[in-house]
Protein backbone atom coordinates (compact mmCIF):
# COMPACT_ATOMS: atom_id res chain seq x y z
CA MET A 1 -2.58 1.71 0.07
CA VAL A 2 -2.85 4.78 2.22
CA PRO A 3 0.16 4.98 4.50
CA TRP A 4 -0.58 4.49 8.14
CA ALA A 5 1.14 3.45 11.35
CA PHE A 6 4.93 3.46 11.71
CA GLY A 7 4.65 6.81 13.48
CA GLN A 8 4.20 8.94 10.37
CA HIS A 9 0.87 8.36 8.70
CA ILE A 10 -1.95 7.01 10.82
CA SER A 11 -5.50 6.42 9.66
CA PRO A 12 -7.48 6.44 12.93
CA GLU A 13 -10.46 4.65 11.38
CA LEU A 14 -8.36 1.72 10.19
CA VAL A 15 -6.49 1.49 13.48
CA ALA A 16 -9.84 1.39 15.29
CA LEU A 17 -11.10 -1.30 12.88
CA GLY A 18 -8.00 -3.43 13.40
CA CYS A 19 -8.13 -3.12 17.19
CA THR A 20 -11.86 -3.95 17.23
CA GLU A 21 -11.34 -7.06 15.13
CA VAL A 22 -8.29 -8.33 17.01
CA LEU A 23 -9.79 -7.75 20.46
CA GLY A 24 -13.20 -9.07 19.42
CA CYS A 25 -11.74 -12.20 17.82
CA GLY A 26 -9.55 -12.77 20.86
CA LEU A 27 -12.48 -12.51 23.27
CA LEU A 28 -14.71 -14.71 21.11
CA ALA A 29 -11.98 -17.33 20.72
CA TYR A 30 -11.32 -17.31 24.46
CA LEU A 31 -14.96 -17.95 25.30
CA LEU A 32 -15.23 -20.79 22.79
CA PHE A 33 -11.89 -22.38 23.64
CA SER A 34 -12.45 -22.25 27.41
CA ALA A 35 -15.82 -23.97 26.92
CA GLY A 36 -14.43 -26.72 24.73
CA LEU A 37 -10.99 -27.52 26.15
CA PRO A 38 -10.69 -30.90 27.88
CA GLY A 39 -11.02 -30.34 31.63
CA ALA A 40 -13.22 -27.25 31.24
CA GLN A 41 -16.04 -29.04 33.02
CA VAL A 42 -13.81 -30.45 35.78
CA SER A 43 -13.44 -27.31 37.82
CA ALA A 44 -13.63 -29.18 41.14
CA LEU A 45 -9.97 -30.15 40.91
CA PRO A 46 -7.61 -27.57 42.46
CA GLY A 47 -6.07 -25.39 39.77
CA ALA A 48 -8.00 -27.02 36.92
CA SER A 49 -10.09 -23.93 36.12
CA ALA A 50 -7.04 -21.64 36.11
CA SER A 51 -5.14 -24.05 33.89
CA VAL A 52 -7.99 -24.21 31.36
CA SER A 53 -8.37 -20.42 31.37
CA LEU A 54 -4.64 -19.91 30.76
CA ALA A 55 -4.57 -22.40 27.88
CA ALA A 56 -7.65 -20.80 26.31
CA ALA A 57 -6.18 -17.31 26.70
CA GLN A 58 -2.92 -18.37 25.05
CA GLN A 59 -4.69 -19.95 22.10
CA ALA A 60 -7.05 -17.00 21.70
CA ALA A 61 -4.17 -14.50 21.79
CA VAL A 62 -2.19 -16.36 19.12
CA LEU A 63 -5.25 -16.74 16.89
CA ALA A 64 -6.31 -13.08 17.22
CA LEU A 65 -2.84 -11.62 16.68
CA THR A 66 -2.13 -13.91 13.73
CA PHE A 67 -5.49 -13.00 12.22
CA GLY A 68 -4.73 -9.29 12.56
CA LEU A 69 -1.27 -9.67 11.01
CA VAL A 70 -2.54 -11.75 8.08
CA SER A 71 -5.36 -9.27 7.48
CA PHE A 72 -2.89 -6.40 7.39
CA VAL A 73 -0.41 -8.16 5.11
CA ILE A 74 -3.01 -9.05 2.48
CA GLY A 75 -4.51 -5.55 2.50
CA LEU A 76 -7.71 -6.04 4.47
CA TYR A 77 -7.14 -2.67 6.15
CA SER A 78 -7.00 -0.77 2.88
CA PRO A 79 -9.89 1.76 2.74
CA ASP A 80 -10.64 1.29 -0.96
CA LEU A 81 -11.48 -2.36 -0.29
CA TYR A 82 -14.54 -1.29 1.68
CA ALA A 83 -16.06 0.55 -1.26
CA GLU A 84 -16.93 -2.74 -3.03
CA THR A 85 -18.80 -5.42 -1.11
CA SER A 86 -17.87 -8.24 -3.50
CA ARG A 87 -14.15 -7.53 -3.14
CA LEU A 88 -14.55 -7.21 0.62
CA LEU A 89 -16.21 -10.63 0.87
CA SER A 90 -13.65 -12.37 -1.33
CA ALA A 91 -10.73 -10.75 0.50
CA THR A 92 -12.21 -11.69 3.88
CA ALA A 93 -12.63 -15.31 2.74
CA LEU A 94 -8.99 -15.33 1.60
CA GLY A 95 -7.92 -13.87 4.93
CA GLY A 96 -9.76 -16.58 6.81
CA CYS A 97 -8.22 -19.35 4.71
CA LEU A 98 -4.74 -17.97 5.39
CA ALA A 99 -5.23 -16.97 9.04
CA LEU A 100 -6.21 -20.37 10.43
CA PRO A 101 -3.20 -22.34 9.14
CA ALA A 102 -0.96 -19.37 9.97
CA ALA A 103 -2.28 -19.43 13.55
CA TRP A 104 -1.61 -23.18 13.76
CA LEU A 105 1.99 -22.65 12.58
CA ALA A 106 2.47 -19.74 14.99
CA GLY A 107 1.10 -21.88 17.82
CA ARG A 108 3.49 -24.69 17.02
CA ALA A 109 6.38 -22.21 16.95
CA VAL A 110 5.64 -21.01 20.51
CA GLY A 111 4.60 -24.41 21.88
CA ILE A 112 0.81 -23.93 21.90
CA ASP A 113 -1.27 -26.93 20.84
CA PHE A 114 -4.41 -25.92 18.94
CA GLY A 115 -5.37 -29.57 18.74
CA ALA A 116 -6.62 -29.32 22.32
CA MET A 117 -9.48 -27.06 21.24
CA MET A 118 -11.02 -29.91 19.29
CA GLY A 119 -12.35 -31.67 22.30
CA GLU A 120 -14.55 -34.54 21.21
CA GLY A 121 -16.04 -34.44 17.72
CA VAL A 122 -16.11 -31.57 15.29
CA LEU A 123 -18.91 -29.39 16.66
CA LEU A 124 -16.61 -27.06 18.59
CA PRO A 125 -14.17 -26.24 15.76
CA LEU A 126 -17.04 -25.79 13.31
CA GLY A 127 -18.91 -23.59 15.76
CA ALA A 128 -15.78 -21.56 16.47
CA LEU A 129 -15.15 -21.06 12.76
CA ALA A 130 -18.77 -20.03 12.10
CA ALA A 131 -18.84 -17.60 15.04
CA TRP A 132 -15.52 -16.08 14.01
CA ALA A 133 -16.63 -15.67 10.38
CA LEU A 134 -19.95 -14.05 11.38
CA PHE A 135 -18.22 -11.63 13.73
CA VAL A 136 -15.61 -10.56 11.17
CA LEU A 137 -18.17 -10.15 8.39
CA ALA A 138 -20.49 -8.13 10.63
CA VAL A 139 -17.72 -5.74 11.67
CA ARG A 140 -16.38 -5.30 8.14
CA LEU A 141 -19.77 -4.85 6.51
CA ALA A 142 -20.62 -2.20 9.11
CA PHE A 143 -17.32 -0.44 8.40
CA SER A 144 -17.93 -0.75 4.66
CA ASN A 145 -21.34 0.88 5.03
CA ALA A 146 -19.76 3.69 7.06
CA ILE A 147 -17.18 4.27 4.30
CA ARG A 148 -19.83 4.37 1.56
CA THR A 149 -22.07 6.76 3.47
CA GLY A 150 -19.19 9.17 4.08
CA LEU A 151 -19.12 8.78 7.85
CA PHE A 152 -15.33 9.08 7.96
CA VAL A 153 -14.95 11.81 5.33
CA ARG A 154 -13.00 14.83 6.48
CA ARG A 155 -14.48 17.96 4.95
CA MET A 156 -11.83 20.22 3.44
CA LEU A 157 -11.91 23.80 2.21
CA VAL A 158 -9.35 25.17 -0.27
CA VAL A 159 -8.49 28.88 -0.16
CA GLY A 160 -7.02 30.13 -3.45
CA ALA A 161 -5.80 33.49 -4.68
CA GLY A 162 -8.28 33.73 -7.54
CA PRO A 163 -9.99 31.86 -10.37
CA ASP A 164 -6.63 31.41 -12.13
CA ASP A 165 -4.81 29.98 -9.10
CA ALA A 166 -3.36 26.81 -10.65
CA ALA A 167 -2.24 25.47 -7.26
CA ALA A 168 -5.82 25.57 -5.96
CA ALA A 169 -7.05 23.81 -9.10
CA ARG A 170 -4.52 20.99 -8.63
CA LEU A 171 -5.52 20.54 -5.01
CA VAL A 172 -9.21 20.46 -5.86
CA ALA A 173 -8.63 17.91 -8.62
CA ALA A 174 -6.63 15.68 -6.27
CA LEU A 175 -9.20 15.90 -3.48
CA ARG A 176 -12.15 15.26 -5.78
CA THR A 177 -10.57 12.20 -7.36
CA PRO A 178 -11.78 8.98 -5.72
CA CYS A 179 -8.87 7.72 -3.68
CA ARG A 180 -8.13 5.76 -0.57
CA GLY A 181 -7.87 8.75 1.72
CA SER A 182 -10.60 10.33 3.81
CA GLU A 183 -10.19 13.98 2.80
CA ARG A 184 -12.74 15.44 0.38
CA VAL A 185 -12.94 19.04 -0.78
CA ILE A 186 -16.40 20.52 -0.27
CA SER A 187 -15.77 24.14 -1.20
CA VAL A 188 -13.30 26.53 -2.82
CA LEU A 189 -12.96 30.04 -1.49
CA LEU A 190 -11.04 33.01 -2.85
CA ALA A 191 -8.73 34.94 -0.53
CA ARG A 192 -10.82 38.10 -0.87
CA GLU A 193 -13.80 36.17 0.50
CA ALA A 194 -11.93 34.97 3.57
CA GLY A 195 -13.91 37.28 5.82
CA GLN A 196 -16.89 34.93 5.42
CA LEU A 197 -15.07 32.16 7.28
CA THR A 198 -16.11 32.86 10.84
CA PRO A 199 -15.53 30.20 13.52
CA ALA A 200 -19.30 29.69 13.74
CA LEU A 201 -19.57 29.08 9.98
CA LEU A 202 -16.68 26.61 10.01
CA LYS A 203 -18.25 24.71 12.87
CA GLY A 204 -21.68 24.74 11.25
CA ARG A 205 -20.35 23.34 7.97
CA LYS A 206 -18.24 20.77 9.83
CA ILE A 207 -15.03 21.88 8.14
CA TRP A 208 -12.20 19.60 9.29
CA GLY A 209 -9.32 21.38 7.60
CA ILE A 210 -8.36 24.36 5.43
CA VAL A 211 -5.68 24.29 2.73
CA ILE A 212 -4.23 27.70 1.83
CA THR A 213 -2.21 28.08 -1.34
CA ASP A 214 1.01 30.08 -1.24
CA ALA A 215 -0.47 32.85 -3.39
CA ALA A 216 -3.61 33.10 -1.24
CA ARG A 217 -1.65 33.32 2.00
CA LYS A 218 -0.04 36.57 0.80
CA LEU A 219 -3.48 38.11 0.25
CA LEU A 220 -5.08 37.20 3.57
CA PRO A 221 -5.67 40.02 6.08
CA PRO A 222 -3.33 40.04 9.09
CA GLY A 223 -4.60 37.85 11.89
CA ARG A 224 -7.06 35.98 9.70
CA LEU A 225 -5.40 32.62 10.35
CA ALA A 226 -5.97 33.09 14.07
CA ASP A 227 -9.73 33.00 13.42
CA TRP A 228 -9.40 29.55 11.86
CA ARG A 229 -7.53 27.82 14.65
CA GLY A 230 -10.49 25.56 15.29
CA CYS A 231 -9.61 23.77 12.03
CA ARG A 232 -6.43 22.11 10.89
CA LEU A 233 -4.54 24.57 8.71
CA TYR A 234 -2.27 23.38 5.91
CA GLY A 235 0.08 25.13 3.58
CA GLU A 236 0.13 24.06 -0.03
CA ALA A 237 3.28 21.89 0.03
CA GLY A 238 2.58 20.53 3.50
CA PHE A 239 -0.84 19.25 2.54
CA TRP A 240 0.44 17.38 -0.48
CA GLU A 241 3.01 15.60 1.63
CA SER A 242 1.25 15.03 4.94
CA ARG A 243 -2.25 14.18 3.66
CA LEU A 244 -1.90 13.16 0.01
CA HIS A 245 1.50 11.48 0.47
CA ARG A 246 2.83 12.89 -2.76
CA ILE A 247 5.07 15.73 -3.91
CA ASP A 248 3.49 18.55 -5.91
CA ILE A 249 5.95 18.53 -8.80
CA ASP A 250 4.10 21.33 -10.60
CA ARG A 251 4.51 23.82 -7.76
CA PRO A 252 6.54 26.77 -9.09
CA GLY A 253 10.01 26.83 -7.61
CA ALA A 254 9.43 23.54 -5.82
CA THR A 255 12.53 22.04 -4.24
CA PRO A 256 10.96 19.03 -2.58
CA LEU A 257 14.06 16.95 -2.02
CA PRO A 258 16.64 17.57 0.67
CA ALA A 259 20.23 18.31 -0.22
CA SER A 260 22.30 15.27 -1.10
CA GLU A 261 22.92 13.23 2.03
CA HIS A 262 25.41 10.48 2.72
CA ARG A 263 23.41 7.79 4.47
CA ALA A 264 26.23 5.25 4.74
CA LEU A 265 24.65 3.11 7.47
CA GLU A 266 21.24 3.08 5.77
CA ALA A 267 22.83 2.12 2.44
CA ALA A 268 24.86 -0.68 4.05
CA LEU A 269 21.83 -2.12 5.84
CA THR A 270 19.71 -1.89 2.71
CA ARG A 271 22.37 -3.61 0.64
CA GLY A 272 22.78 -6.37 3.20
CA GLY A 273 19.02 -6.94 3.28
CA ASP A 274 18.86 -6.96 -0.52
CA ILE A 275 21.55 -9.65 -0.77
CA LEU A 276 20.07 -11.93 1.88
CA LEU A 277 16.49 -11.60 0.66
CA SER A 278 17.30 -11.98 -3.03
CA LEU A 279 19.41 -15.10 -2.37
CA ALA A 280 16.69 -16.66 -0.23
CA LEU A 281 13.97 -15.92 -2.79
CA LEU A 282 16.04 -17.16 -5.72
CA LEU A 283 16.65 -20.48 -3.98
CA PHE A 284 12.99 -20.78 -2.98
CA ILE A 285 11.47 -19.98 -6.38
CA LEU A 286 14.06 -21.69 -8.57
CA PRO A 287 11.64 -24.55 -9.48
CA LEU A 288 8.94 -22.02 -10.42
CA MET A 289 11.37 -20.07 -12.58
CA GLY A 290 12.41 -23.29 -14.34
CA LEU A 291 8.77 -24.13 -15.08
CA VAL A 292 8.09 -20.62 -16.42
CA ALA A 293 11.17 -20.82 -18.64
CA LEU A 294 9.96 -24.12 -20.08
CA LEU A 295 6.45 -22.74 -20.78
CA ILE A 296 7.88 -19.67 -22.52
CA ARG A 297 10.10 -21.82 -24.71
CA LEU A 298 7.17 -24.09 -25.67
CA ASN A 299 4.77 -21.20 -26.27
CA SER A 300 6.73 -19.03 -28.69
CA PRO A 301 10.11 -18.94 -30.45
CA GLY A 302 12.85 -16.78 -29.03
CA PRO A 303 14.95 -16.46 -25.86
CA VAL A 304 13.44 -17.13 -22.43
CA LEU A 305 14.95 -14.02 -20.86
CA TYR A 306 14.44 -10.50 -22.17
CA ARG A 307 17.33 -8.10 -21.62
CA GLN A 308 16.54 -4.41 -21.70
CA ARG A 309 18.64 -1.31 -21.07
CA ARG A 310 17.35 0.74 -18.12
CA ILE A 311 18.50 3.79 -16.17
CA GLY A 312 19.64 3.20 -12.60
CA LEU A 313 21.20 5.07 -9.69
CA ASN A 314 22.51 8.53 -10.63
CA GLY A 315 21.53 7.98 -14.26
CA ARG A 316 23.84 5.02 -14.85
CA PRO A 317 22.49 2.50 -17.37
CA PHE A 318 22.29 -1.23 -16.67
CA ILE A 319 20.77 -4.32 -18.27
CA LEU A 320 17.50 -5.42 -16.67
CA PHE A 321 16.37 -9.07 -16.85
CA LYS A 322 12.78 -10.19 -17.34
CA PHE A 323 11.03 -13.30 -18.52
CA ARG A 324 10.05 -12.63 -22.12
CA SER A 325 6.30 -12.02 -22.28
CA MET A 326 6.01 -10.64 -25.81
CA ARG A 327 6.57 -12.11 -29.22
CA LEU A 328 10.01 -11.85 -30.79
CA ASN A 329 10.86 -8.43 -32.31
CA ALA A 330 7.87 -6.83 -30.57
CA GLU A 331 9.50 -3.40 -30.89
CA ALA A 332 10.80 -3.62 -34.41
CA ASP A 333 9.25 -0.20 -35.08
CA GLY A 334 10.74 1.42 -31.99
CA PRO A 335 9.90 1.72 -28.25
CA VAL A 336 6.22 2.16 -27.37
CA TRP A 337 4.24 2.23 -24.11
CA ALA A 338 2.64 -1.07 -23.10
CA ALA A 339 -1.12 -1.06 -23.62
CA ALA A 340 -4.05 -2.90 -22.07
CA ARG A 341 -4.57 -6.19 -23.94
CA ASP A 342 -1.37 -5.53 -25.85
CA PRO A 343 -1.45 -7.69 -29.02
CA ARG A 344 2.32 -8.23 -28.75
CA VAL A 345 1.89 -10.26 -25.54
CA THR A 346 1.96 -14.06 -25.89
CA GLY A 347 -0.46 -16.43 -24.16
CA VAL A 348 2.03 -17.44 -21.47
CA GLY A 349 3.21 -13.83 -21.31
CA ALA A 350 -0.26 -12.57 -20.40
CA ALA A 351 -0.45 -15.00 -17.48
CA ILE A 352 3.00 -14.24 -16.07
CA ARG A 353 2.50 -10.48 -16.45
CA LEU A 354 -0.80 -10.69 -14.57
CA ALA A 355 0.88 -12.45 -11.65
CA ARG A 356 4.05 -10.30 -11.93
CA ILE A 357 6.09 -13.49 -12.46
CA ASP A 358 7.86 -11.91 -15.44
CA GLU A 359 9.67 -9.65 -12.95
CA LEU A 360 11.30 -12.51 -10.99
CA PRO A 361 14.63 -12.51 -12.92
CA GLN A 362 15.19 -8.99 -11.60
CA LEU A 363 16.21 -10.64 -8.34
CA VAL A 364 19.52 -11.16 -10.17
CA ASN A 365 19.71 -7.38 -10.73
CA VAL A 366 19.12 -6.90 -7.00
CA LEU A 367 21.84 -9.41 -6.15
CA ARG A 368 24.26 -7.64 -8.50
CA GLY A 369 23.57 -4.30 -6.82
CA GLU A 370 21.96 -2.62 -9.83
CA MET A 371 18.54 -2.55 -8.15
CA SER A 372 17.04 -2.71 -4.69
CA PHE A 373 13.80 -4.27 -3.49
CA ILE A 374 12.28 -0.84 -2.85
CA GLY A 375 12.64 2.18 -5.11
CA PRO A 376 11.27 3.87 -8.24
CA ARG A 377 10.81 1.47 -11.14
CA PRO A 378 13.72 1.76 -13.61
CA GLU A 379 12.78 3.35 -16.92
CA ARG A 380 14.24 2.95 -20.39
CA PRO A 381 16.66 5.62 -21.69
CA TYR A 382 14.32 6.53 -24.56
CA PHE A 383 11.47 7.31 -22.19
CA VAL A 384 13.74 8.99 -19.63
CA GLU A 385 14.82 11.52 -22.24
CA GLN A 386 11.23 12.02 -23.34
CA LEU A 387 9.88 12.41 -19.81
CA ALA A 388 12.73 14.55 -18.49
CA GLY A 389 11.79 17.21 -21.04
CA ALA A 390 8.08 17.06 -20.24
CA VAL A 391 7.91 16.41 -16.49
CA PRO A 392 9.61 18.67 -13.93
CA LEU A 393 12.10 17.02 -11.58
CA TYR A 394 11.93 13.70 -13.40
CA ARG A 395 15.67 13.02 -13.15
CA GLU A 396 15.54 13.49 -9.36
CA ARG A 397 14.09 9.99 -8.93
CA ALA A 398 17.55 8.61 -9.82
CA GLN A 399 18.88 9.74 -6.41
CA VAL A 400 18.09 6.24 -5.13
CA LYS A 401 18.46 2.79 -6.69
CA PRO A 402 15.52 1.62 -8.78
CA GLY A 403 13.41 -1.09 -7.16
CA LEU A 404 11.34 -4.19 -7.82
CA THR A 405 8.44 -2.34 -6.23
CA GLY A 406 7.93 1.19 -4.98
CA TRP A 407 5.62 3.78 -3.47
CA ALA A 408 4.24 4.69 -6.89
CA GLN A 409 3.55 1.04 -7.74
CA VAL A 410 1.36 0.48 -4.68
CA ASN A 411 -0.48 3.82 -4.97
CA TYR A 412 -1.01 4.29 -8.70
CA PRO A 413 -2.10 1.89 -11.46
CA TYR A 414 0.11 0.85 -14.34
CA GLY A 415 1.32 3.94 -16.20
CA ALA A 416 1.50 4.13 -19.98
CA SER A 417 1.56 7.84 -20.81
CA VAL A 418 3.32 11.08 -19.92
CA GLU A 419 0.47 12.03 -17.58
CA ASP A 420 0.73 8.69 -15.81
CA ALA A 421 4.48 9.22 -15.48
CA ARG A 422 3.84 12.67 -13.97
CA ALA A 423 1.45 11.23 -11.38
CA LYS A 424 3.77 8.35 -10.50
CA LEU A 425 6.73 10.70 -10.18
CA SER A 426 4.90 12.61 -7.43
CA TYR A 427 4.84 9.36 -5.41
CA ASP A 428 8.40 8.38 -6.32
CA LEU A 429 9.74 11.72 -5.10
CA TYR A 430 7.77 11.34 -1.88
CA TYR A 431 9.61 8.06 -1.30
CA VAL A 432 12.98 9.62 -2.17
CA LYS A 433 12.36 12.36 0.38
CA HIS A 434 10.82 10.28 3.17
CA ARG A 435 12.45 6.89 2.65
CA SER A 436 12.94 4.86 5.79
CA ALA A 437 12.87 1.26 6.97
CA ALA A 438 9.27 1.69 8.12
CA LEU A 439 8.12 3.05 4.76
CA ALA A 440 9.99 0.27 2.96
CA MET A 441 8.23 -2.33 5.11
CA LEU A 442 4.88 -0.74 4.34
CA ILE A 443 5.62 -0.84 0.60
CA LEU A 444 6.55 -4.53 0.77
CA ILE A 445 3.33 -5.37 2.61
CA SER A 446 1.28 -3.27 0.20
CA THR A 447 2.92 -5.08 -2.71
CA VAL A 448 1.46 -8.37 -1.43
CA TRP A 449 -1.98 -6.78 -1.69
CA VAL A 450 -1.32 -5.49 -5.21
CA VAL A 451 -0.09 -8.90 -6.43
CA LEU A 452 -2.86 -10.90 -4.77
CA PHE A 453 -5.64 -8.78 -6.24
CA GLN A 454 -3.99 -8.07 -9.60
CA LYS A 455 -4.10 -4.29 -9.26
CA GLY A 456 -2.57 -2.46 -12.18
CA ALA A 457 -1.22 -5.48 -14.04
CA ARG A 458 -0.79 -5.07 -17.75
């Protein structure tokens, strides 16, 4: 999910979509509720009309705000959703099914009775539901069409030092890869051709921003950047971080991470949250874990839990717990990357891997302090040694505790190669550098979306 809100990374189009839906749903609900509440037709009594209007406004506000929150949590404001109409429709239906009972629970919590909207019969609630569904679908289909037609695309231009400028090539590849962001490269220019970029030409081609590689900046004529002030100007490293939300690990001499910091208060708060949340979840899902353990035992011989050595904070090894999803002795020939439709996976294993249920025992690792809820996924020592020699800065991800979920997990599909590890590392290092409570909250919410729609499961 593209980062937005929380003061750092805002997607104006998605904020506008969310505000339109929440305000529109609130207004629509108010009109319907005020027409159907008991006493709405008895306006002759002093204060009756004001009382009905207040009750309708309260119910409409709770419904609209709950709807917006549910939509956000399940990923309905993720731009890539709007590229596929079928996924958009199914996700909207899911949002509706969750939003209505959530609104009822929220109303009960604050003392608002949604039963009053029923009036007599079922025509009003059915009409309200139909009107709400039509409004939401109309807004989202219109937004989806705008996404597909490129209405929100920001046209970018990359300025490189020459045909062999590797930094420019990496930027172009990233910008031309379909992703959830709005930036798209439309042209590549060499530094010696920079004189062509007059303000009139930039305006005529609707260039939103210009990315200048470090090598190209040294070759630009003095004062050239002043001619481009009508566009947003980005340096190479700044664009990767501020717009692509990654670290360019292949940038020569890159030192993307700050010097070692002692964040004692942040660590204490994170640890406290990890303990409370892991205990609560373990108690809540204990019956589910018992059922999964029984199914694993009935499905294939071998232990229920799989214990595997992983690398944690500052390179210290620990034993990670998972529900066993593969047949016994699946790695008799040595460690290998997991593959799509891996023949080693059992029938029950395939189901629990798809729903990420096999990861639940790692709550014990969180409780023991070996992992956190948010952080880079812990890797096995064999692969750490392999990747550290092939991928720059790979060991830097161990500056923070490994996590159940992380920035790479919600932005990149399941990785099963060195190139996948390289791409995921760029997101992991972004989290290491910019970690905060707001970013952690965004990752947790994005994880709900990933789990619900089975993105990247293997």
